[in-house]
Protein backbone atom coordinates (compact mmCIF):
# COMPACT_ATOMS: atom_id res chain seq x y z
CA MET A 1 -136.33 35.19 141.69
CA LEU A 2 -133.17 36.15 143.59
CA ILE A 3 -131.51 39.43 142.64
CA GLY A 4 -127.74 39.83 142.59
CA SER A 5 -124.96 37.47 141.66
CA GLN A 6 -124.96 34.01 143.19
CA GLU A 7 -121.67 34.84 144.90
CA VAL A 8 -123.10 37.98 146.56
CA ILE A 9 -126.19 36.13 147.77
CA TYR A 10 -124.15 33.25 149.13
CA ASP A 11 -121.85 35.76 150.86
CA ILE A 12 -124.87 37.26 152.66
CA PHE A 13 -125.75 33.82 154.00
CA ARG A 14 -122.11 33.12 154.85
CA ARG A 15 -121.78 36.34 156.86
CA ALA A 16 -125.10 35.67 158.60
CA ARG A 17 -123.90 32.17 159.52
CA CYS A 18 -120.71 33.58 161.04
CA LEU A 19 -122.88 35.61 163.43
CA SER A 20 -125.61 32.96 163.84
CA GLU A 21 -128.18 35.37 162.42
CA PRO A 22 -131.18 34.55 160.19
CA VAL A 23 -131.75 36.00 156.72
CA VAL A 24 -134.92 37.39 155.12
CA PHE A 25 -134.92 36.10 151.54
CA PRO A 26 -137.29 35.35 148.66
CA THR A 27 -138.25 31.77 147.95
CA ASP A 28 -140.04 30.71 144.77
CA THR A 29 -143.33 31.42 146.57
CA ILE A 30 -143.11 34.18 149.20
CA TYR A 31 -140.44 35.93 151.27
CA GLY A 32 -139.15 33.76 154.07
CA ILE A 33 -136.96 34.18 157.10
CA GLY A 34 -134.58 31.35 157.77
CA ALA A 35 -131.12 29.96 158.36
CA PRO A 36 -129.19 26.76 157.65
CA LEU A 37 -130.41 23.85 159.75
CA ALA A 38 -126.86 23.43 160.99
CA ASP A 39 -127.16 26.84 162.70
CA SER A 40 -129.47 26.04 165.62
CA GLU A 41 -128.79 29.37 167.35
CA ALA A 42 -129.96 31.41 164.34
CA ASN A 43 -133.08 29.27 164.04
CA ARG A 44 -133.91 29.72 167.72
CA LYS A 45 -133.66 33.48 167.21
CA ILE A 46 -136.36 33.28 164.52
CA TYR A 47 -138.92 32.11 167.10
CA ASP A 48 -138.25 35.22 169.19
CA ILE A 49 -138.14 37.54 166.16
CA LYS A 50 -141.50 36.33 164.86
CA GLY A 51 -143.11 35.69 168.23
CA ARG A 52 -143.73 32.15 167.05
CA GLU A 53 -144.74 29.33 169.36
CA LYS A 54 -141.90 26.87 170.00
CA ASN A 55 -144.13 23.89 169.10
CA LYS A 56 -144.39 25.09 165.47
CA PRO A 57 -141.21 24.01 163.66
CA PHE A 58 -140.28 25.74 160.43
CA PRO A 59 -140.59 24.24 156.95
CA VAL A 60 -137.22 23.26 155.50
CA LEU A 61 -136.04 24.00 151.95
CA ILE A 62 -133.91 21.37 150.26
CA SER A 63 -132.07 21.30 146.93
CA SER A 64 -132.16 17.60 146.08
CA MET A 65 -133.57 14.19 146.91
CA LYS A 66 -130.23 13.42 148.51
CA GLN A 67 -130.83 16.19 151.05
CA ALA A 68 -134.44 15.06 151.51
CA LYS A 69 -133.38 11.49 152.24
CA SER A 70 -130.84 12.70 154.79
CA LEU A 71 -133.67 14.32 156.76
CA ALA A 72 -136.76 12.18 156.14
CA ASP A 73 -138.18 8.87 155.02
CA THR A 74 -139.25 9.42 151.40
CA ALA A 75 -140.01 5.80 150.50
CA MET A 76 -143.72 5.59 151.37
CA HIS A 77 -144.95 8.02 148.70
CA ALA A 78 -141.87 8.10 146.46
CA ASP A 79 -143.86 8.29 143.19
CA LEU A 80 -145.96 11.23 144.37
CA ILE A 81 -142.94 13.07 145.75
CA LYS A 82 -141.17 12.68 142.42
CA LYS A 83 -144.12 14.28 140.62
CA LEU A 84 -144.53 17.15 143.09
CA TRP A 85 -140.90 18.23 143.41
CA PRO A 86 -139.47 20.62 142.56
CA GLY A 87 -142.43 22.91 143.13
CA ALA A 88 -144.62 24.79 145.58
CA TYR A 89 -145.46 21.74 147.69
CA THR A 90 -144.44 21.39 151.32
CA LEU A 91 -144.54 17.74 152.30
CA ILE A 92 -144.85 16.46 155.86
CA LEU A 93 -142.66 13.37 156.17
CA LYS A 94 -141.38 11.14 158.95
CA ALA A 95 -138.10 12.64 160.15
CA LYS A 96 -134.90 10.66 160.44
CA ASP A 97 -133.74 9.99 164.00
CA ASN A 98 -130.70 12.26 163.57
CA VAL A 99 -132.78 15.40 162.91
CA GLU A 100 -132.74 17.91 165.77
CA ASN A 101 -136.05 18.25 167.63
CA LEU A 102 -136.02 21.97 166.81
CA TYR A 103 -137.12 21.07 163.26
CA THR A 104 -139.62 18.30 164.00
CA LEU A 105 -143.06 17.86 165.51
CA ASN A 106 -144.26 14.44 166.65
CA GLY A 107 -141.36 12.90 164.74
CA ASN A 108 -142.28 14.60 161.46
CA ILE A 109 -140.56 17.27 159.36
CA ALA A 110 -141.89 19.63 156.66
CA LEU A 111 -139.75 19.68 153.51
CA ARG A 112 -139.97 21.53 150.20
CA MET A 113 -137.80 21.50 147.10
CA PRO A 114 -138.16 24.91 145.38
CA ALA A 115 -138.54 25.19 141.62
CA ASP A 116 -136.15 28.16 141.33
CA LYS A 117 -132.73 26.86 140.25
CA ARG A 118 -130.83 29.80 141.70
CA LEU A 119 -132.41 29.08 145.06
CA THR A 120 -131.64 25.36 144.92
CA ASP A 121 -128.06 26.19 143.88
CA LEU A 122 -127.82 28.36 147.00
CA ILE A 123 -129.23 25.58 149.19
CA GLU A 124 -126.71 23.17 147.71
CA LYS A 125 -124.00 25.43 149.16
CA THR A 126 -125.60 26.35 152.49
CA GLY A 127 -127.22 23.01 153.23
CA PRO A 128 -130.96 22.72 153.95
CA LEU A 129 -132.52 26.05 155.00
CA SER A 130 -135.40 26.75 157.33
CA ALA A 131 -137.92 29.11 155.73
CA THR A 132 -140.95 30.40 157.57
CA SER A 133 -142.97 33.31 156.18
CA ALA A 134 -141.42 36.76 156.70
CA ASN A 135 -144.11 38.21 158.94
CA LEU A 136 -144.81 38.36 162.65
CA SER A 137 -146.86 35.43 163.92
CA GLY A 138 -150.56 36.23 163.80
CA GLN A 139 -150.12 39.09 161.34
CA GLU A 140 -151.04 39.02 157.66
CA TYR A 141 -148.21 38.39 155.21
CA THR A 142 -147.21 41.12 152.74
CA SER A 143 -144.95 40.76 149.70
CA ASP A 144 -143.97 44.45 149.91
CA PHE A 145 -140.24 44.37 150.67
CA ILE A 146 -140.25 47.84 152.24
CA ARG A 147 -142.95 46.78 154.69
CA ILE A 148 -141.06 43.57 155.46
CA LEU A 149 -137.89 45.59 156.03
CA THR A 150 -139.74 48.01 158.30
CA CYS A 151 -141.20 45.12 160.28
CA PHE A 152 -137.87 43.41 160.92
CA GLN A 153 -135.34 46.26 160.75
CA SER A 154 -134.63 46.17 164.50
CA SER A 155 -134.29 42.39 164.72
CA VAL A 156 -132.90 41.07 161.39
CA LYS A 157 -129.52 42.15 160.05
CA PHE A 158 -129.38 40.32 156.70
CA TYR A 159 -131.69 40.58 153.66
CA VAL A 160 -131.84 39.37 150.07
CA HIS A 161 -134.16 41.40 147.83
CA SER A 162 -136.27 40.11 144.94
CA ARG A 163 -138.69 41.30 142.28
CA THR A 164 -141.26 38.79 143.53
CA ASN A 165 -144.76 39.91 144.41
CA ALA A 166 -145.93 36.39 145.19
CA LEU A 167 -148.65 36.15 147.80
CA ASN A 168 -149.33 32.43 147.62
CA SER A 169 -147.76 30.08 150.12
CA SER A 170 -147.05 26.48 149.20
CA VAL A 171 -149.60 23.68 149.31
CA ILE A 172 -149.03 21.50 152.39
CA ILE A 173 -149.54 17.73 152.13
CA ASP A 174 -149.15 15.23 154.97
CA LEU A 175 -147.47 12.07 153.67
CA THR A 176 -146.88 10.35 157.01
CA SER A 177 -149.63 7.77 156.55
CA ASP A 178 -150.88 5.51 153.76
CA GLU A 179 -153.25 8.14 152.36
CA PRO A 180 -151.96 11.67 151.61
CA VAL A 181 -153.82 14.44 153.46
CA ILE A 182 -153.96 17.99 152.06
CA LEU A 183 -153.54 20.40 154.98
CA ARG A 184 -153.44 23.69 153.03
CA GLY A 185 -154.30 24.63 149.46
CA GLU A 186 -156.09 22.80 146.69
CA ILE A 187 -154.66 20.05 144.49
CA ASN A 188 -155.96 16.96 142.71
CA LEU A 189 -153.52 14.26 143.79
CA HIS A 190 -155.22 11.60 141.67
CA GLU A 191 -154.62 13.62 138.49
CA ILE A 192 -150.99 14.16 139.43
CA LEU A 193 -150.40 10.49 140.11
CA THR A 194 -152.08 9.35 136.88
CA ASP A 195 -150.52 12.05 134.69
CA LYS A 196 -147.98 10.49 132.34
C-alpha cells in the first residue's frame, strides 16, 4: 500500500520524470524500481543502477485493459487474462509493433495489472510503468526499506515508502502460444478458467 496522498506520490513521479530519473516504489507485491515507459532515458539508467543485463527487459505495470491493448495482443487468452487481472500475475504477451525494443524480448512484453487501486490510479496518470525488483541483479531481494535505501542511496534520487513487508514476487505466465506456460510460481490455471 502506498503511503502519502495521491498528489504527493504523483508529484514524486512527476519530478523524477522531469529529470529522467527512476523511482523506487512499492507495488502490490514487492518494492520495485521503475519509470514511465515514455521515459526511455530513465529506464536505461535502471539497467546500470541494478547491473542488469540489457537482454532482460523489465515487467510493465498497467492500470487498465486499454493500456494493455495499446502494448500487447490480448486476444489469444482473453478469458484467462480477465480472470487473472487485476492481481499478482505477470503475463508474457506478444508486443505491439509500436513498443520500443527496450521493453521487449523476442517480440514479447511482460505486463501486470496490480490489484492496489491507489497504484493503478497512479499508473493511469503516469502511463504504464516499468517495475523490476528493487535489488541489485544477482542479490537477494529484501523488503526492508532502510536496506533498500542504503543499497540505492548513491544512484536513486526518488523514493515512495510503504508499510509493505511483501516478499513474494508475482507469478509469471507465458501466454504467447496456444497453451499457457507457468514460468514462475504455482497456480492451477484449469481451476481459474472453470471457476464461475
